[in-house]
PDB file of all heavy atoms in Angstrom:
ATOM      1  N   VAL A   1       0.801 -11.491  29.567  1.00  0.00           N
ATOM      2  CA  VAL A   1       1.095 -10.549  28.518  1.00  0.00           C
ATOM      3  C   VAL A   1       2.540  -9.977  28.687  1.00  0.00           C
ATOM      4  O   VAL A   1       3.260  -9.767  27.662  1.00  0.00           O
ATOM      5  CB  VAL A   1       0.104  -9.475  28.490  1.00  0.00           C
ATOM      6  CG1 VAL A   1       0.554  -8.273  27.624  1.00  0.00           C
ATOM      7  CG2 VAL A   1      -1.217  -9.944  27.886  1.00  0.00           C
ATOM      8  N   MET A   2       2.961  -9.738  29.827  1.00  0.00           N
ATOM      9  CA  MET A   2       4.233  -9.015  30.020  1.00  0.00           C
ATOM     10  C   MET A   2       5.403  -9.957  30.363  1.00  0.00           C
ATOM     11  O   MET A   2       6.548  -9.452  30.121  1.00  0.00           O
ATOM     12  CB  MET A   2       4.108  -8.065  31.171  1.00  0.00           C
ATOM     13  CG  MET A   2       2.930  -6.960  30.961  1.00  0.00           C
ATOM     14  SD  MET A   2       2.970  -6.156  29.328  1.00  0.00           S
ATOM     15  CE  MET A   2       4.368  -5.124  29.538  1.00  0.00           C
ATOM     16  N   LYS A   3       5.103 -11.111  30.779  1.00  0.00           N
ATOM     17  CA  LYS A   3       6.193 -11.967  31.143  1.00  0.00           C
ATOM     18  C   LYS A   3       6.284 -13.426  30.467  1.00  0.00           C
ATOM     19  O   LYS A   3       7.378 -14.000  30.339  1.00  0.00           O
ATOM     20  CB  LYS A   3       6.195 -12.161  32.661  1.00  0.00           C
ATOM     21  CG  LYS A   3       6.317 -11.011  33.489  1.00  0.00           C
ATOM     22  CD  LYS A   3       6.146 -11.306  35.013  1.00  0.00           C
ATOM     23  CE  LYS A   3       6.348 -10.072  35.870  1.00  0.00           C
ATOM     24  NZ  LYS A   3       6.053 -10.217  37.266  1.00  0.00           N
ATOM     25  N   ASP A   4       5.144 -13.885  30.082  1.00  0.00           N
ATOM     26  CA  ASP A   4       5.095 -15.099  29.436  1.00  0.00           C
ATOM     27  C   ASP A   4       4.627 -15.067  27.992  1.00  0.00           C
ATOM     28  O   ASP A   4       3.469 -15.391  27.602  1.00  0.00           O
ATOM     29  CB  ASP A   4       4.071 -16.101  30.218  1.00  0.00           C
ATOM     30  CG  ASP A   4       3.954 -17.512  29.637  1.00  0.00           C
ATOM     31  OD1 ASP A   4       4.844 -17.979  28.958  1.00  0.00           O
ATOM     32  OD2 ASP A   4       2.837 -18.152  29.861  1.00  0.00           O
ATOM     33  N   ILE A   5       5.421 -14.261  27.147  1.00  0.00           N
ATOM     34  CA  ILE A   5       5.068 -13.878  25.870  1.00  0.00           C
ATOM     35  C   ILE A   5       5.159 -14.972  24.799  1.00  0.00           C
ATOM     36  O   ILE A   5       6.241 -15.675  24.657  1.00  0.00           O
ATOM     37  CB  ILE A   5       5.852 -12.614  25.462  1.00  0.00           C
ATOM     38  CG1 ILE A   5       5.715 -11.490  26.509  1.00  0.00           C
ATOM     39  CG2 ILE A   5       5.541 -12.179  24.131  1.00  0.00           C
ATOM     40  CD1 ILE A   5       6.697 -10.400  26.350  1.00  0.00           C
ATOM     41  N   LYS A   6       4.013 -15.142  24.128  1.00  0.00           N
ATOM     42  CA  LYS A   6       4.124 -16.012  22.948  1.00  0.00           C
ATOM     43  C   LYS A   6       4.199 -15.071  21.731  1.00  0.00           C
ATOM     44  O   LYS A   6       3.367 -14.199  21.642  1.00  0.00           O
ATOM     45  CB  LYS A   6       2.791 -16.848  22.839  1.00  0.00           C
ATOM     46  CG  LYS A   6       2.595 -17.768  23.989  1.00  0.00           C
ATOM     47  CD  LYS A   6       3.688 -18.816  24.095  1.00  0.00           C
ATOM     48  CE  LYS A   6       3.377 -19.853  25.265  1.00  0.00           C
ATOM     49  NZ  LYS A   6       3.391 -19.205  26.621  1.00  0.00           N
ATOM     50  N   ARG A   7       5.099 -15.313  20.710  1.00  0.00           N
ATOM     51  CA  ARG A   7       5.263 -14.343  19.690  1.00  0.00           C
ATOM     52  C   ARG A   7       4.699 -14.859  18.353  1.00  0.00           C
ATOM     53  O   ARG A   7       4.619 -16.065  18.189  1.00  0.00           O
ATOM     54  CB  ARG A   7       6.860 -14.094  19.646  1.00  0.00           C
ATOM     55  CG  ARG A   7       7.380 -13.340  20.767  1.00  0.00           C
ATOM     56  CD  ARG A   7       8.733 -12.900  20.617  1.00  0.00           C
ATOM     57  NE  ARG A   7       9.227 -12.315  21.909  1.00  0.00           N
ATOM     58  CZ  ARG A   7       8.848 -11.021  22.362  1.00  0.00           C
ATOM     59  NH1 ARG A   7       8.135 -10.317  21.616  1.00  0.00           N
ATOM     60  NH2 ARG A   7       9.344 -10.594  23.541  1.00  0.00           N
ATOM     61  N   PRO A   8       4.412 -13.885  17.435  1.00  0.00           N
ATOM     62  CA  PRO A   8       4.562 -12.358  17.579  1.00  0.00           C
ATOM     63  C   PRO A   8       3.688 -11.807  18.674  1.00  0.00           C
ATOM     64  O   PRO A   8       2.470 -12.259  18.942  1.00  0.00           O
ATOM     65  CB  PRO A   8       4.123 -11.919  16.237  1.00  0.00           C
ATOM     66  CG  PRO A   8       4.161 -13.081  15.373  1.00  0.00           C
ATOM     67  CD  PRO A   8       3.880 -14.206  16.218  1.00  0.00           C
ATOM     68  N   PHE A   9       4.152 -10.718  19.364  1.00  0.00           N
ATOM     69  CA  PHE A   9       3.448  -9.925  20.337  1.00  0.00           C
ATOM     70  C   PHE A   9       3.062  -8.619  19.750  1.00  0.00           C
ATOM     71  O   PHE A   9       3.955  -7.934  19.411  1.00  0.00           O
ATOM     72  CB  PHE A   9       4.266  -9.782  21.632  1.00  0.00           C
ATOM     73  CG  PHE A   9       3.712  -9.008  22.742  1.00  0.00           C
ATOM     74  CD1 PHE A   9       2.411  -8.572  22.738  1.00  0.00           C
ATOM     75  CD2 PHE A   9       4.484  -8.608  23.761  1.00  0.00           C
ATOM     76  CE1 PHE A   9       1.770  -7.813  23.746  1.00  0.00           C
ATOM     77  CE2 PHE A   9       3.950  -7.890  24.877  1.00  0.00           C
ATOM     78  CZ  PHE A   9       2.581  -7.407  24.806  1.00  0.00           C
ATOM     79  N   THR A  10       1.694  -8.333  19.694  1.00  0.00           N
ATOM     80  CA  THR A  10       1.269  -7.064  19.123  1.00  0.00           C
ATOM     81  C   THR A  10       0.487  -6.283  20.238  1.00  0.00           C
ATOM     82  O   THR A  10      -0.336  -6.760  20.826  1.00  0.00           O
ATOM     83  CB  THR A  10       0.346  -7.287  17.938  1.00  0.00           C
ATOM     84  OG1 THR A  10       1.018  -7.951  16.830  1.00  0.00           O
ATOM     85  CG2 THR A  10      -0.157  -6.020  17.335  1.00  0.00           C
ATOM     86  N   ALA A  11       0.875  -5.037  20.253  1.00  0.00           N
ATOM     87  CA  ALA A  11       0.183  -4.151  21.187  1.00  0.00           C
ATOM     88  C   ALA A  11      -0.543  -3.012  20.342  1.00  0.00           C
ATOM     89  O   ALA A  11       0.056  -2.519  19.333  1.00  0.00           O
ATOM     90  CB  ALA A  11       1.060  -3.379  22.155  1.00  0.00           C
ATOM     91  N   ILE A  12      -1.782  -2.843  20.661  1.00  0.00           N
ATOM     92  CA  ILE A  12      -2.546  -1.760  19.965  1.00  0.00           C
ATOM     93  C   ILE A  12      -2.792  -0.590  21.020  1.00  0.00           C
ATOM     94  O   ILE A  12      -3.548  -0.918  21.975  1.00  0.00           O
ATOM     95  CB  ILE A  12      -3.897  -2.256  19.464  1.00  0.00           C
ATOM     96  CG1 ILE A  12      -3.628  -3.496  18.537  1.00  0.00           C
ATOM     97  CG2 ILE A  12      -4.578  -1.196  18.615  1.00  0.00           C
ATOM     98  CD1 ILE A  12      -4.296  -4.726  19.020  1.00  0.00           C
ATOM     99  N   MET A  13      -2.313   0.485  20.761  1.00  0.00           N
ATOM    100  CA  MET A  13      -2.421   1.694  21.680  1.00  0.00           C
ATOM    101  C   MET A  13      -3.199   2.744  20.965  1.00  0.00           C
ATOM    102  O   MET A  13      -2.815   3.246  20.005  1.00  0.00           O
ATOM    103  CB  MET A  13      -1.047   2.109  22.150  1.00  0.00           C
ATOM    104  CG  MET A  13      -0.242   1.331  23.118  1.00  0.00           C
ATOM    105  SD  MET A  13      -0.929   1.341  24.664  1.00  0.00           S
ATOM    106  CE  MET A  13      -1.217  -0.382  24.937  1.00  0.00           C
ATOM    107  N   GLY A  14      -4.320   3.050  21.587  1.00  0.00           N
ATOM    108  CA  GLY A  14      -5.161   4.181  21.113  1.00  0.00           C
ATOM    109  C   GLY A  14      -5.320   5.305  22.116  1.00  0.00           C
ATOM    110  O   GLY A  14      -4.478   5.370  22.980  1.00  0.00           O
ATOM    111  N   GLY A  15      -6.096   6.269  21.970  1.00  0.00           N
ATOM    112  CA  GLY A  15      -6.338   7.349  22.754  1.00  0.00           C
ATOM    113  C   GLY A  15      -5.926   8.590  22.092  1.00  0.00           C
ATOM    114  O   GLY A  15      -5.429   8.624  20.943  1.00  0.00           O
ATOM    115  N   SER A  16      -6.289   9.702  22.667  1.00  0.00           N
ATOM    116  CA  SER A  16      -6.221  11.017  22.049  1.00  0.00           C
ATOM    117  C   SER A  16      -4.810  11.651  22.148  1.00  0.00           C
ATOM    118  O   SER A  16      -4.351  12.347  21.306  1.00  0.00           O
ATOM    119  CB  SER A  16      -7.250  12.057  22.614  1.00  0.00           C
ATOM    120  OG  SER A  16      -7.071  12.235  24.045  1.00  0.00           O
ATOM    121  N   LYS A  17      -4.118  11.307  23.218  1.00  0.00           N
ATOM    122  CA  LYS A  17      -2.769  11.960  23.463  1.00  0.00           C
ATOM    123  C   LYS A  17      -1.679  11.014  23.706  1.00  0.00           C
ATOM    124  O   LYS A  17      -1.753  10.109  24.501  1.00  0.00           O
ATOM    125  CB  LYS A  17      -2.853  12.780  24.762  1.00  0.00           C
ATOM    126  CG  LYS A  17      -3.945  13.993  24.563  1.00  0.00           C
ATOM    127  CD  LYS A  17      -3.996  14.811  25.898  1.00  0.00           C
ATOM    128  CE  LYS A  17      -4.838  16.016  25.767  1.00  0.00           C
ATOM    129  NZ  LYS A  17      -4.884  16.771  26.938  1.00  0.00           N
ATOM    130  N   VAL A  18      -0.588  11.278  22.886  1.00  0.00           N
ATOM    131  CA  VAL A  18       0.654  10.417  23.029  1.00  0.00           C
ATOM    132  C   VAL A  18       1.230  10.561  24.415  1.00  0.00           C
ATOM    133  O   VAL A  18       1.967   9.767  25.051  1.00  0.00           O
ATOM    134  CB  VAL A  18       1.613  10.677  21.950  1.00  0.00           C
ATOM    135  CG1 VAL A  18       2.092  12.187  21.963  1.00  0.00           C
ATOM    136  CG2 VAL A  18       2.713   9.700  21.880  1.00  0.00           C
ATOM    137  N   SER A  19       1.127  11.762  24.927  1.00  0.00           N
ATOM    138  CA  SER A  19       1.809  12.213  26.283  1.00  0.00           C
ATOM    139  C   SER A  19       1.236  11.300  27.382  1.00  0.00           C
ATOM    140  O   SER A  19       1.974  11.065  28.365  1.00  0.00           O
ATOM    141  CB  SER A  19       1.522  13.730  26.670  1.00  0.00           C
ATOM    142  OG  SER A  19       0.214  13.953  26.722  1.00  0.00           O
ATOM    143  N   THR A  20      -0.064  10.899  27.378  1.00  0.00           N
ATOM    144  CA  THR A  20      -0.593  10.121  28.385  1.00  0.00           C
ATOM    145  C   THR A  20      -0.176   8.582  28.292  1.00  0.00           C
ATOM    146  O   THR A  20      -0.432   7.877  29.326  1.00  0.00           O
ATOM    147  CB  THR A  20      -2.135  10.185  28.437  1.00  0.00           C
ATOM    148  OG1 THR A  20      -2.653   9.678  27.239  1.00  0.00           O
ATOM    149  CG2 THR A  20      -2.607  11.595  28.613  1.00  0.00           C
ATOM    150  N   LYS A  21       0.427   8.293  27.076  1.00  0.00           N
ATOM    151  CA  LYS A  21       0.749   6.824  27.006  1.00  0.00           C
ATOM    152  C   LYS A  21       2.269   6.625  26.860  1.00  0.00           C
ATOM    153  O   LYS A  21       2.739   5.609  26.533  1.00  0.00           O
ATOM    154  CB  LYS A  21       0.043   6.323  25.754  1.00  0.00           C
ATOM    155  CG  LYS A  21      -1.503   6.336  25.770  1.00  0.00           C
ATOM    156  CD  LYS A  21      -1.994   5.273  26.658  1.00  0.00           C
ATOM    157  CE  LYS A  21      -3.461   5.310  26.801  1.00  0.00           C
ATOM    158  NZ  LYS A  21      -4.336   4.776  25.573  1.00  0.00           N
ATOM    159  N   ILE A  22       2.987   7.690  26.988  1.00  0.00           N
ATOM    160  CA  ILE A  22       4.399   7.674  26.627  1.00  0.00           C
ATOM    161  C   ILE A  22       5.194   6.541  27.402  1.00  0.00           C
ATOM    162  O   ILE A  22       6.000   5.805  26.842  1.00  0.00           O
ATOM    163  CB  ILE A  22       5.118   9.020  26.821  1.00  0.00           C
ATOM    164  CG1 ILE A  22       6.666   8.970  26.409  1.00  0.00           C
ATOM    165  CG2 ILE A  22       4.973   9.614  28.209  1.00  0.00           C
ATOM    166  CD1 ILE A  22       6.808   8.582  24.949  1.00  0.00           C
ATOM    167  N   GLU A  23       4.913   6.503  28.739  1.00  0.00           N
ATOM    168  CA  GLU A  23       5.626   5.543  29.577  1.00  0.00           C
ATOM    169  C   GLU A  23       5.239   4.071  29.144  1.00  0.00           C
ATOM    170  O   GLU A  23       6.093   3.236  29.217  1.00  0.00           O
ATOM    171  CB  GLU A  23       5.386   5.751  31.008  1.00  0.00           C
ATOM    172  CG  GLU A  23       6.032   7.103  31.511  1.00  0.00           C
ATOM    173  CD  GLU A  23       5.950   7.230  33.034  1.00  0.00           C
ATOM    174  OE1 GLU A  23       5.378   6.395  33.710  1.00  0.00           O
ATOM    175  OE2 GLU A  23       6.254   8.270  33.575  1.00  0.00           O
ATOM    176  N   ILE A  24       4.062   3.899  28.816  1.00  0.00           N
ATOM    177  CA  ILE A  24       3.523   2.528  28.377  1.00  0.00           C
ATOM    178  C   ILE A  24       4.162   2.225  27.061  1.00  0.00           C
ATOM    179  O   ILE A  24       4.743   0.996  26.970  1.00  0.00           O
ATOM    180  CB  ILE A  24       1.987   2.540  28.253  1.00  0.00           C
ATOM    181  CG1 ILE A  24       1.251   2.987  29.474  1.00  0.00           C
ATOM    182  CG2 ILE A  24       1.541   1.248  27.659  1.00  0.00           C
ATOM    183  CD1 ILE A  24      -0.169   3.264  29.385  1.00  0.00           C
ATOM    184  N   ILE A  25       4.182   3.156  26.227  1.00  0.00           N
ATOM    185  CA  ILE A  25       4.662   2.966  24.863  1.00  0.00           C
ATOM    186  C   ILE A  25       6.266   2.571  25.011  1.00  0.00           C
ATOM    187  O   ILE A  25       6.693   1.627  24.300  1.00  0.00           O
ATOM    188  CB  ILE A  25       4.495   4.134  23.883  1.00  0.00           C
ATOM    189  CG1 ILE A  25       3.004   4.170  23.499  1.00  0.00           C
ATOM    190  CG2 ILE A  25       5.386   4.023  22.676  1.00  0.00           C
ATOM    191  CD1 ILE A  25       2.619   5.555  22.814  1.00  0.00           C
ATOM    192  N   GLU A  26       6.898   3.253  25.807  1.00  0.00           N
ATOM    193  CA  GLU A  26       8.424   3.135  25.906  1.00  0.00           C
ATOM    194  C   GLU A  26       8.682   1.690  26.461  1.00  0.00           C
ATOM    195  O   GLU A  26       9.649   0.986  26.097  1.00  0.00           O
ATOM    196  CB  GLU A  26       8.997   4.267  26.720  1.00  0.00           C
ATOM    197  CG  GLU A  26       9.068   5.576  25.870  1.00  0.00           C
ATOM    198  CD  GLU A  26       9.864   6.653  26.601  1.00  0.00           C
ATOM    199  OE1 GLU A  26       9.986   6.532  27.870  1.00  0.00           O
ATOM    200  OE2 GLU A  26      10.303   7.637  25.969  1.00  0.00           O
ATOM    201  N   ASN A  27       7.883   1.307  27.492  1.00  0.00           N
ATOM    202  CA  ASN A  27       8.008   0.025  28.091  1.00  0.00           C
ATOM    203  C   ASN A  27       7.716  -1.126  27.100  1.00  0.00           C
ATOM    204  O   ASN A  27       8.436  -2.081  26.944  1.00  0.00           O
ATOM    205  CB  ASN A  27       7.227  -0.108  29.300  1.00  0.00           C
ATOM    206  CG  ASN A  27       7.513  -1.450  30.121  1.00  0.00           C
ATOM    207  OD1 ASN A  27       8.665  -1.776  30.281  1.00  0.00           O
ATOM    208  ND2 ASN A  27       6.479  -2.207  30.458  1.00  0.00           N
ATOM    209  N   LEU A  28       6.647  -0.855  26.253  1.00  0.00           N
ATOM    210  CA  LEU A  28       6.252  -1.903  25.334  1.00  0.00           C
ATOM    211  C   LEU A  28       7.253  -2.027  24.173  1.00  0.00           C
ATOM    212  O   LEU A  28       7.379  -3.194  23.670  1.00  0.00           O
ATOM    213  CB  LEU A  28       4.839  -1.524  24.670  1.00  0.00           C
ATOM    214  CG  LEU A  28       3.649  -1.703  25.623  1.00  0.00           C
ATOM    215  CD1 LEU A  28       2.447  -1.131  24.930  1.00  0.00           C
ATOM    216  CD2 LEU A  28       3.387  -3.144  25.914  1.00  0.00           C
ATOM    217  N   LEU A  29       7.954  -1.026  23.827  1.00  0.00           N
ATOM    218  CA  LEU A  29       9.000  -1.134  22.823  1.00  0.00           C
ATOM    219  C   LEU A  29      10.113  -2.080  23.185  1.00  0.00           C
ATOM    220  O   LEU A  29      10.860  -2.530  22.321  1.00  0.00           O
ATOM    221  CB  LEU A  29       9.606   0.255  22.564  1.00  0.00           C
ATOM    222  CG  LEU A  29       8.784   1.190  21.709  1.00  0.00           C
ATOM    223  CD1 LEU A  29       9.299   2.562  21.531  1.00  0.00           C
ATOM    224  CD2 LEU A  29       8.389   0.732  20.318  1.00  0.00           C
ATOM    225  N   THR A  30      10.283  -2.398  24.457  1.00  0.00           N
ATOM    226  CA  THR A  30      11.213  -3.427  24.830  1.00  0.00           C
ATOM    227  C   THR A  30      10.685  -4.812  24.898  1.00  0.00           C
ATOM    228  O   THR A  30      11.460  -5.779  25.095  1.00  0.00           O
ATOM    229  CB  THR A  30      11.777  -3.049  26.309  1.00  0.00           C
ATOM    230  OG1 THR A  30      10.712  -3.340  27.232  1.00  0.00           O
ATOM    231  CG2 THR A  30      12.223  -1.679  26.395  1.00  0.00           C
ATOM    232  N   LYS A  31       9.418  -4.941  24.492  1.00  0.00           N
ATOM    233  CA  LYS A  31       8.709  -6.275  24.651  1.00  0.00           C
ATOM    234  C   LYS A  31       8.081  -6.670  23.332  1.00  0.00           C
ATOM    235  O   LYS A  31       8.029  -7.902  23.037  1.00  0.00           O
ATOM    236  CB  LYS A  31       7.763  -6.304  25.762  1.00  0.00           C
ATOM    237  CG  LYS A  31       8.422  -6.075  27.171  1.00  0.00           C
ATOM    238  CD  LYS A  31       7.264  -5.967  28.178  1.00  0.00           C
ATOM    239  CE  LYS A  31       7.819  -5.503  29.584  1.00  0.00           C
ATOM    240  NZ  LYS A  31       8.841  -6.529  30.010  1.00  0.00           N
ATOM    241  N   VAL A  32       7.541  -5.841  22.605  1.00  0.00           N
ATOM    242  CA  VAL A  32       6.601  -6.224  21.523  1.00  0.00           C
ATOM    243  C   VAL A  32       7.355  -6.347  20.183  1.00  0.00           C
ATOM    244  O   VAL A  32       8.498  -5.935  20.010  1.00  0.00           O
ATOM    245  CB  VAL A  32       5.439  -5.178  21.315  1.00  0.00           C
ATOM    246  CG1 VAL A  32       4.579  -5.054  22.519  1.00  0.00           C
ATOM    247  CG2 VAL A  32       6.007  -3.847  20.758  1.00  0.00           C
ATOM    248  N   ASP A  33       6.702  -7.139  19.316  1.00  0.00           N
ATOM    249  CA  ASP A  33       7.177  -7.280  17.971  1.00  0.00           C
ATOM    250  C   ASP A  33       6.529  -6.221  16.989  1.00  0.00           C
ATOM    251  O   ASP A  33       7.180  -5.779  16.029  1.00  0.00           O
ATOM    252  CB  ASP A  33       6.905  -8.674  17.403  1.00  0.00           C
ATOM    253  CG  ASP A  33       7.472  -9.759  18.283  1.00  0.00           C
ATOM    254  OD1 ASP A  33       8.653  -9.864  18.205  1.00  0.00           O
ATOM    255  OD2 ASP A  33       6.770 -10.460  18.899  1.00  0.00           O
ATOM    256  N   ASN A  34       5.179  -5.926  17.317  1.00  0.00           N
ATOM    257  CA  ASN A  34       4.519  -4.960  16.486  1.00  0.00           C
ATOM    258  C   ASN A  34       3.784  -4.006  17.470  1.00  0.00           C
ATOM    259  O   ASN A  34       3.249  -4.430  18.431  1.00  0.00           O
ATOM    260  CB  ASN A  34       3.396  -5.618  15.685  1.00  0.00           C
ATOM    261  CG  ASN A  34       3.941  -6.844  14.853  1.00  0.00           C
ATOM    262  OD1 ASN A  34       4.834  -6.602  14.074  1.00  0.00           O
ATOM    263  ND2 ASN A  34       3.453  -8.050  15.043  1.00  0.00           N
ATOM    264  N   LEU A  35       3.820  -2.735  17.092  1.00  0.00           N
ATOM    265  CA  LEU A  35       3.106  -1.723  17.886  1.00  0.00           C
ATOM    266  C   LEU A  35       2.201  -0.931  16.870  1.00  0.00           C
ATOM    267  O   LEU A  35       2.708  -0.278  15.923  1.00  0.00           O
ATOM    268  CB  LEU A  35       4.051  -0.727  18.572  1.00  0.00           C
ATOM    269  CG  LEU A  35       3.522   0.412  19.386  1.00  0.00           C
ATOM    270  CD1 LEU A  35       2.603  -0.087  20.503  1.00  0.00           C
ATOM    271  CD2 LEU A  35       4.555   1.299  19.942  1.00  0.00           C
ATOM    272  N   ILE A  36       0.909  -1.024  17.140  1.00  0.00           N
ATOM    273  CA  ILE A  36      -0.043  -0.282  16.270  1.00  0.00           C
ATOM    274  C   ILE A  36      -0.482   0.998  17.167  1.00  0.00           C
ATOM    275  O   ILE A  36      -0.950   0.823  18.255  1.00  0.00           O
ATOM    276  CB  ILE A  36      -1.337  -1.150  16.129  1.00  0.00           C
ATOM    277  CG1 ILE A  36      -0.831  -2.290  15.102  1.00  0.00           C
ATOM    278  CG2 ILE A  36      -2.408  -0.418  15.413  1.00  0.00           C
ATOM    279  CD1 ILE A  36      -1.929  -3.297  14.855  1.00  0.00           C
ATOM    280  N   LEU A  37      -0.297   2.131  16.626  1.00  0.00           N
ATOM    281  CA  LEU A  37      -0.663   3.289  17.241  1.00  0.00           C
ATOM    282  C   LEU A  37      -1.861   3.900  16.446  1.00  0.00           C
ATOM    283  O   LEU A  37      -1.758   4.057  15.248  1.00  0.00           O
ATOM    284  CB  LEU A  37       0.468   4.393  17.329  1.00  0.00           C
ATOM    285  CG  LEU A  37       1.751   3.948  18.052  1.00  0.00           C
ATOM    286  CD1 LEU A  37       2.750   5.116  18.060  1.00  0.00           C
ATOM    287  CD2 LEU A  37       1.426   3.559  19.528  1.00  0.00           C
ATOM    288  N   CYS A  38      -2.990   4.178  17.156  1.00  0.00           N
ATOM    289  CA  CYS A  38      -4.193   4.664  16.511  1.00  0.00           C
ATOM    290  C   CYS A  38      -4.931   5.699  17.407  1.00  0.00           C
ATOM    291  O   CYS A  38      -4.385   6.169  18.408  1.00  0.00           O
ATOM    292  CB  CYS A  38      -5.085   3.399  16.173  1.00  0.00           C
ATOM    293  SG  CYS A  38      -5.531   2.446  17.546  1.00  0.00           S
ATOM    294  N   GLY A  39      -6.103   5.959  16.969  1.00  0.00           N
ATOM    295  CA  GLY A  39      -6.896   7.122  17.775  1.00  0.00           C
ATOM    296  C   GLY A  39      -6.325   8.432  17.433  1.00  0.00           C
ATOM    297  O   GLY A  39      -5.647   8.686  16.491  1.00  0.00           O
ATOM    298  N   GLY A  40      -6.623   9.414  18.344  1.00  0.00           N
ATOM    299  CA  GLY A  40      -6.360  10.774  18.202  1.00  0.00           C
ATOM    300  C   GLY A  40      -4.782  11.014  18.083  1.00  0.00           C
ATOM    301  O   GLY A  40      -4.330  11.940  17.526  1.00  0.00           O
ATOM    302  N   MET A  41      -4.022  10.135  18.843  1.00  0.00           N
ATOM    303  CA  MET A  41      -2.524  10.415  18.889  1.00  0.00           C
ATOM    304  C   MET A  41      -1.946  10.175  17.484  1.00  0.00           C
ATOM    305  O   MET A  41      -0.810  10.728  17.245  1.00  0.00           O
ATOM    306  CB  MET A  41      -1.886   9.446  19.822  1.00  0.00           C
ATOM    307  CG  MET A  41      -1.831   8.032  19.512  1.00  0.00           C
ATOM    308  SD  MET A  41      -0.649   7.000  20.523  1.00  0.00           S
ATOM    309  CE  MET A  41      -1.772   6.802  21.950  1.00  0.00           C
ATOM    310  N   THR A  42      -2.744   9.543  16.582  1.00  0.00           N
ATOM    311  CA  THR A  42      -2.145   9.375  15.267  1.00  0.00           C
ATOM    312  C   THR A  42      -1.697  10.680  14.598  1.00  0.00           C
ATOM    313  O   THR A  42      -0.697  10.772  13.903  1.00  0.00           O
ATOM    314  CB  THR A  42      -3.342   8.685  14.339  1.00  0.00           C
ATOM    315  OG1 THR A  42      -3.716   7.540  14.834  1.00  0.00           O
ATOM    316  CG2 THR A  42      -2.852   8.603  12.838  1.00  0.00           C
ATOM    317  N   TYR A  43      -2.474  11.720  14.881  1.00  0.00           N
ATOM    318  CA  TYR A  43      -2.295  13.008  14.143  1.00  0.00           C
ATOM    319  C   TYR A  43      -1.084  13.793  14.629  1.00  0.00           C
ATOM    320  O   TYR A  43      -0.496  14.617  13.961  1.00  0.00           O
ATOM    321  CB  TYR A  43      -3.659  13.760  14.088  1.00  0.00           C
ATOM    322  CG  TYR A  43      -4.736  12.880  13.503  1.00  0.00           C
ATOM    323  CD1 TYR A  43      -5.590  12.239  14.347  1.00  0.00           C
ATOM    324  CD2 TYR A  43      -4.674  12.524  12.179  1.00  0.00           C
ATOM    325  CE1 TYR A  43      -6.529  11.365  13.813  1.00  0.00           C
ATOM    326  CE2 TYR A  43      -5.620  11.725  11.666  1.00  0.00           C
ATOM    327  CZ  TYR A  43      -6.507  11.105  12.504  1.00  0.00           C
ATOM    328  OH  TYR A  43      -7.492  10.177  11.947  1.00  0.00           O
TER     329      TYR A  43
END
């Protein structure tokens, strides 16, 4: 997923708090084509 990427690469990140996923999201922004944010952090 992180090194042998076939594109398009889509990550779906859920959960209640953006603060608990911030480092993951920032790292994914350097790798993915699409980032879907859902769950409680949406609001």
